[in-house]
Amino acid sequence: MGSIFALVSPGGSPGVTTAALALALSWPHHVIVAECDPGGGSVLAGTLGGYVPAGFALVEHAIEAGRNPAAAAADLATQLVPLDADKIRLVLPGLTDPRQAVGLAPAWPAVAATFAAQNCDVIADCGRLDAGQGQPLAVLAAASMVAVVLRPTLRQAWAARPRIEMLRQLLGSTRQVALLVTGPGRYPAKEMTSALGVPVIAVLPDDASSAAVLSDGEQRRRFASGDLMTAARRAGPMLRRHAASQVSARTGPQAPADETPVPVGVAPAIPPSARDAAGFGANR
C-alpha cells in the first residue's frame, strides 16, 4: 500500500495546488494527485486546459465510495486523468462548484478509505484548512503526513498557528505535521520551525514562470530544469522519508518503499508585537 500525503493551506493562496503538482511530476514513485479542496479544484481549468471527459472527477468517485467503498477503491483508476505520457502520475479532478462541498461531507471517510487502499502514494490537495463544513478531515486523519504549505512571512505564520493546533486536535499530536515553505518571504526555515513548533521538511523556491505552467497551463521552455521542479525533485523523497520515520516511530521499522514506477490502466492521456505573537524570534 502507498501513503497519503495531505497538503493544506493556512490561507492567503500560498500555492498548495501548484506545490502538489510540482511534487507529483517529480515524485519518485507512482502517484495520484487528489483535489480535495472544498473550495473547488483548479487543475481542470489550469493544467488540464479545461478538457476532461465527463465522469472524471471527485464527485463521481465520492458517490461510488459512499455506495460501495471496496468497489470505488478498485475503480478509482477509471476516474483518473494522466499528467504524463507514461500514466505514472495521475490526477483526480476536484469540485467544480464550492457549493458541492457540504453535500460531499458525509462521503469523506469513504473517500479517504479508497485513497488508503491504493497501491501507490496519494497527494491530497486539501486546500485551505478552516473550521467550516465540508472539510476533508477524514483525509487528513488518514494521512501519513500533513504538510502545511505556506510562505515564509509573518502573515502566513500567524495564520498557520491555529491551523496547526486544529491538526493537533484532529491527529492527537503534531508528529505527522510538517511545513512545506514556498515562494517569497524573508524568514529562514529554521525560524519558521522555531516559531510554529513543527519542522520545515522542504522549500520550494519563488519561481513564478514555472508555477504558471502548473497553475495556468502556460508554456515554458526548459520547465523541467527550472528552479521549482529541481527543488520538487528533492522535496518528494524528503516528504516520503519523513512520513516513513513517523510510521516507524509508531509501529517499528518498515521495509523501504519500492521506488519503481508502476503504470496503471487509466483513460487515454489528455492533452514587533505581532512578530512576537507569531513566535518569531522565540527560543533564540
Protein backbone atom coordinates (compact mmCIF):
# COMPACT_ATOMS: atom_id res chain seq x y z
CA MET A 1 0.00 0.00 0.00
CA GLY A 2 1.02 3.58 -0.57
CA SER A 3 0.75 6.55 1.74
CA ILE A 4 -1.45 9.64 1.79
CA PHE A 5 0.35 12.98 1.84
CA ALA A 6 -2.13 15.76 2.63
CA LEU A 7 -1.30 19.36 1.77
CA VAL A 8 -3.19 22.20 3.43
CA SER A 9 -3.03 25.98 3.38
CA PRO A 10 -3.35 28.49 6.22
CA GLY A 11 -4.90 30.91 3.71
CA GLY A 12 -3.51 33.65 1.53
CA SER A 13 -3.04 31.45 -1.56
CA PRO A 14 0.48 30.12 -0.94
CA GLY A 15 0.14 27.70 -3.87
CA VAL A 16 -0.99 24.34 -2.49
CA THR A 17 -2.18 23.03 -5.86
CA THR A 18 0.97 24.21 -7.61
CA ALA A 19 3.08 22.51 -4.94
CA ALA A 20 1.05 19.30 -5.23
CA LEU A 21 1.51 19.19 -8.99
CA ALA A 22 5.22 20.02 -8.82
CA LEU A 23 5.73 17.22 -6.32
CA ALA A 24 3.68 14.76 -8.36
CA LEU A 25 5.52 15.46 -11.61
CA SER A 26 8.82 14.74 -9.88
CA TRP A 27 7.64 12.06 -7.42
CA PRO A 28 9.99 9.05 -7.17
CA HIS A 29 7.09 6.60 -7.32
CA HIS A 30 3.70 6.09 -8.95
CA VAL A 31 1.43 8.83 -7.52
CA ILE A 32 -2.10 10.23 -7.62
CA VAL A 33 -2.94 13.88 -7.01
CA ALA A 34 -6.43 14.07 -5.48
CA GLU A 35 -8.05 17.51 -5.47
CA CYS A 36 -9.89 17.51 -2.14
CA ASP A 37 -10.17 21.28 -1.72
CA PRO A 38 -13.74 22.06 -0.55
CA GLY A 39 -13.33 25.48 -2.18
CA GLY A 40 -13.14 23.81 -5.59
CA GLY A 41 -10.44 22.35 -7.78
CA SER A 42 -8.27 24.28 -10.21
CA VAL A 43 -6.33 21.60 -12.12
CA LEU A 44 -9.16 21.19 -14.65
CA ALA A 45 -9.11 24.83 -15.72
CA GLY A 46 -5.35 25.26 -15.29
CA THR A 47 -3.01 22.38 -16.03
CA LEU A 48 -5.59 20.35 -17.97
CA GLY A 49 -6.73 23.31 -20.05
CA GLY A 50 -10.41 22.79 -19.28
CA TYR A 51 -10.73 19.46 -21.08
CA VAL A 52 -11.65 16.32 -19.18
CA PRO A 53 -14.30 13.80 -20.32
CA ALA A 54 -17.49 13.62 -18.29
CA GLY A 55 -17.27 11.39 -15.25
CA PHE A 56 -13.66 12.18 -14.38
CA ALA A 57 -13.99 13.93 -11.02
CA LEU A 58 -14.05 13.69 -7.25
CA VAL A 59 -17.85 13.96 -7.03
CA GLU A 60 -18.43 10.85 -9.14
CA HIS A 61 -15.85 8.94 -7.13
CA ALA A 62 -17.35 10.11 -3.82
CA ILE A 63 -20.82 8.95 -4.86
CA GLU A 64 -19.48 5.50 -5.67
CA ALA A 65 -17.38 5.40 -2.48
CA GLY A 66 -20.48 6.17 -0.41
CA ARG A 67 -22.33 3.26 -2.04
CA ASN A 68 -19.56 0.67 -2.15
CA PRO A 69 -16.11 1.70 -0.81
CA ALA A 70 -14.40 -1.51 -1.92
CA ALA A 71 -15.66 -1.19 -5.49
CA ALA A 72 -14.80 2.51 -5.55
CA ALA A 73 -11.25 1.77 -4.44
CA ALA A 74 -10.86 -0.79 -7.21
CA ASP A 75 -12.41 1.52 -9.80
CA LEU A 76 -10.58 4.71 -8.85
CA ALA A 77 -8.29 4.29 -11.85
CA THR A 78 -11.25 4.93 -14.15
CA GLN A 79 -11.69 8.40 -12.62
CA LEU A 80 -8.07 9.47 -13.04
CA VAL A 81 -6.53 11.70 -15.69
CA PRO A 82 -2.87 11.19 -16.69
CA LEU A 83 -0.44 14.03 -16.16
CA ASP A 84 2.29 12.29 -18.16
CA ALA A 85 2.56 10.02 -21.17
CA ASP A 86 3.62 7.04 -19.07
CA LYS A 87 0.47 7.28 -16.91
CA ILE A 88 2.58 7.15 -13.76
CA ARG A 89 1.42 10.50 -12.44
CA LEU A 90 -2.34 10.94 -12.34
CA VAL A 91 -4.90 13.39 -11.04
CA LEU A 92 -8.42 13.11 -9.66
CA PRO A 93 -10.02 16.48 -10.55
CA GLY A 94 -11.87 18.17 -7.71
CA LEU A 95 -15.10 20.04 -7.22
CA THR A 96 -16.22 22.43 -9.93
CA ASP A 97 -18.53 24.32 -7.56
CA PRO A 98 -17.73 25.02 -3.88
CA ARG A 99 -21.44 24.61 -3.08
CA GLN A 100 -20.92 20.89 -3.58
CA ALA A 101 -18.65 20.69 -0.53
CA VAL A 102 -21.39 20.46 2.11
CA GLY A 103 -23.09 17.60 0.30
CA LEU A 104 -19.77 15.82 -0.04
CA ALA A 105 -19.02 15.97 3.69
CA PRO A 106 -20.59 12.59 4.65
CA ALA A 107 -18.57 10.82 1.96
CA TRP A 108 -15.10 11.93 3.08
CA PRO A 109 -14.45 8.88 5.33
CA ALA A 110 -15.25 6.52 2.44
CA VAL A 111 -13.16 8.60 0.03
CA ALA A 112 -10.24 8.54 2.47
CA ALA A 113 -10.54 4.76 2.71
CA THR A 114 -10.31 4.42 -1.08
CA PHE A 115 -7.16 6.54 -1.12
CA ALA A 116 -5.60 4.46 1.65
CA ALA A 117 -6.37 1.28 -0.32
CA GLN A 118 -4.35 2.36 -3.39
CA ASN A 119 -1.11 0.60 -4.25
CA CYS A 120 0.61 3.94 -4.70
CA ASP A 121 1.07 7.25 -2.92
CA VAL A 122 -1.71 9.84 -2.94
CA ILE A 123 -1.01 13.56 -2.67
CA ALA A 124 -4.25 15.08 -1.40
CA ASP A 125 -4.63 18.79 -2.12
CA CYS A 126 -6.95 19.72 0.75
CA GLY A 127 -6.86 23.47 0.20
CA ARG A 128 -7.38 25.97 3.00
CA LEU A 129 -7.92 24.38 6.39
CA ASP A 130 -10.93 26.03 8.03
CA ALA A 131 -13.46 25.17 10.71
CA GLY A 132 -16.43 25.16 8.34
CA GLN A 133 -18.48 22.31 6.96
CA GLY A 134 -17.24 20.20 4.11
CA GLN A 135 -13.60 19.99 5.21
CA PRO A 136 -11.86 16.71 4.22
CA LEU A 137 -10.98 15.92 7.83
CA ALA A 138 -11.12 12.16 7.23
CA VAL A 139 -8.47 12.50 4.52
CA LEU A 140 -6.25 14.50 6.88
CA ALA A 141 -6.75 11.93 9.63
CA ALA A 142 -5.80 9.09 7.27
CA ALA A 143 -2.65 10.82 6.04
CA SER A 144 0.81 9.56 6.88
CA MET A 145 1.88 13.17 6.78
CA VAL A 146 0.16 16.56 6.64
CA ALA A 147 2.21 19.37 5.13
CA VAL A 148 1.16 22.95 5.83
CA VAL A 149 2.10 24.87 2.69
CA LEU A 150 2.97 28.48 3.45
CA ARG A 151 5.19 31.37 2.53
CA PRO A 152 7.97 32.37 4.94
CA THR A 153 6.19 35.55 6.07
CA LEU A 154 4.80 36.83 9.35
CA ARG A 155 1.24 36.91 8.00
CA GLN A 156 1.38 33.29 6.87
CA ALA A 157 2.93 32.12 10.15
CA TRP A 158 0.23 33.98 12.07
CA ALA A 159 -2.47 32.20 10.05
CA ALA A 160 -0.73 28.83 10.35
CA ARG A 161 -0.65 28.75 14.15
CA PRO A 162 -4.36 27.99 14.74
CA ARG A 163 -4.38 25.55 11.80
CA ILE A 164 -1.52 23.58 13.32
CA GLU A 165 -3.48 23.50 16.59
CA MET A 166 -6.52 22.22 14.65
CA LEU A 167 -4.35 19.46 13.20
CA ARG A 168 -3.00 18.60 16.65
CA GLN A 169 -6.55 18.16 17.94
CA LEU A 170 -7.55 16.09 14.90
CA LEU A 171 -4.45 13.85 14.82
CA GLY A 172 -3.73 13.70 18.55
CA SER A 173 -0.28 15.26 18.11
CA THR A 174 1.78 17.18 15.58
CA ARG A 175 4.21 14.32 14.84
CA GLN A 176 2.67 13.88 11.39
CA VAL A 177 2.61 17.63 10.67
CA ALA A 178 5.38 19.47 8.83
CA LEU A 179 5.90 22.69 6.90
CA LEU A 180 6.42 22.99 3.16
CA VAL A 181 7.70 26.51 2.56
CA THR A 182 7.01 28.07 -0.84
CA GLY A 183 7.51 31.36 -2.60
CA PRO A 184 8.91 34.69 -1.44
CA GLY A 185 9.47 35.75 2.15
CA ARG A 186 12.28 36.82 4.44
CA TYR A 187 12.18 34.27 7.26
CA PRO A 188 14.56 31.29 7.07
CA ALA A 189 13.35 27.73 7.51
CA LYS A 190 14.97 27.44 10.95
CA GLU A 191 13.00 30.41 12.23
CA MET A 192 9.73 29.09 10.76
CA THR A 193 10.31 25.80 12.58
CA SER A 194 11.04 27.61 15.84
CA ALA A 195 8.01 29.87 15.51
CA LEU A 196 5.48 27.14 14.69
CA GLY A 197 6.88 24.14 16.54
CA VAL A 198 6.86 21.78 13.55
CA PRO A 199 9.73 21.12 11.15
CA VAL A 200 10.26 22.55 7.70
CA ILE A 201 10.67 19.44 5.55
CA ALA A 202 11.27 21.12 2.20
CA VAL A 203 11.44 24.52 0.50
CA LEU A 204 10.10 25.27 -2.97
CA PRO A 205 11.59 28.48 -4.40
CA ASP A 206 9.90 31.54 -5.81
CA ASP A 207 9.76 30.56 -9.50
CA ALA A 208 6.74 32.36 -10.92
CA SER A 209 7.25 31.33 -14.54
CA SER A 210 7.40 27.63 -13.68
CA ALA A 211 4.46 27.95 -11.29
CA ALA A 212 2.39 29.48 -14.11
CA VAL A 213 2.90 26.32 -16.17
CA LEU A 214 1.25 24.32 -13.40
CA SER A 215 -1.39 26.78 -12.27
CA ASP A 216 -2.48 28.22 -15.63
CA GLY A 217 -1.21 25.78 -18.24
CA GLU A 218 1.26 28.28 -19.72
CA GLN A 219 4.14 27.08 -21.85
CA ARG A 220 7.77 27.42 -20.86
CA ARG A 221 10.89 26.01 -22.40
CA ARG A 222 13.14 24.02 -20.08
CA PHE A 223 10.34 23.84 -17.49
CA ALA A 224 11.64 20.53 -16.12
CA SER A 225 15.06 22.04 -15.39
CA GLY A 226 13.70 25.18 -13.72
CA ASP A 227 14.23 26.04 -10.08
CA LEU A 228 10.76 24.86 -8.99
CA MET A 229 10.97 21.38 -10.49
CA THR A 230 14.60 20.96 -9.42
CA ALA A 231 13.59 21.68 -5.82
CA ALA A 232 10.48 19.47 -6.12
CA ARG A 233 12.63 16.51 -7.14
CA ARG A 234 14.48 16.88 -3.84
CA ALA A 235 11.33 17.58 -1.82
CA GLY A 236 9.43 14.39 -2.72
CA PRO A 237 11.94 11.97 -1.19
CA MET A 238 12.23 14.25 1.85
CA LEU A 239 8.48 14.08 2.46
CA ARG A 240 8.45 10.31 1.99
CA ARG A 241 11.36 9.79 4.36
CA HIS A 242 9.76 11.98 7.00
CA ALA A 243 6.45 10.10 6.72
CA ALA A 244 8.23 6.75 6.92
CA SER A 245 10.15 7.87 10.01
CA GLN A 246 6.90 8.78 11.76
CA VAL A 247 5.37 5.42 10.87
CA SER A 248 8.49 3.66 12.18
CA ALA A 249 8.34 5.65 15.40
CA ARG A 250 4.76 4.43 15.98
CA THR A 251 4.91 0.87 14.68
CA GLY A 252 8.56 -0.16 14.40
CA PRO A 253 10.89 -0.33 11.38
CA GLN A 254 9.23 -0.66 7.97
CA ALA A 255 10.61 -2.11 4.76
CA PRO A 256 11.72 0.59 2.31
CA ALA A 257 9.14 1.57 -0.28
CA ASP A 258 9.55 0.28 -3.83
CA GLU A 259 10.70 3.25 -5.90
CA THR A 260 9.88 1.62 -9.25
CA PRO A 261 7.01 3.41 -11.02
CA VAL A 262 4.09 1.08 -11.70
CA PRO A 263 1.71 2.09 -14.52
CA VAL A 264 -1.99 1.52 -14.03
CA GLY A 265 -4.80 1.20 -16.52
CA VAL A 266 -6.44 4.60 -16.91
CA ALA A 267 -8.26 6.58 -19.51
CA PRO A 268 -6.33 7.92 -22.53
CA ALA A 269 -3.93 10.77 -21.83
CA ILE A 270 -5.39 14.29 -22.15
CA PRO A 271 -3.55 16.79 -23.95
CA PRO A 272 7.29 43.61 16.84
CA SER A 273 4.05 42.61 18.99
CA ALA A 274 2.60 40.82 16.06
CA ARG A 275 6.02 39.33 15.39
CA ASP A 276 6.28 38.05 18.97
CA ALA A 277 2.73 36.68 18.94
CA ALA A 278 3.51 34.65 15.83
CA GLY A 279 6.53 33.19 17.59
CA PHE A 280 9.33 34.68 15.51
CA GLY A 281 12.47 35.28 17.49
CA ALA A 282 11.47 32.82 20.23
CA ASN A 283 13.95 30.32 21.61
CA ARG A 284 16.91 32.01 20.00
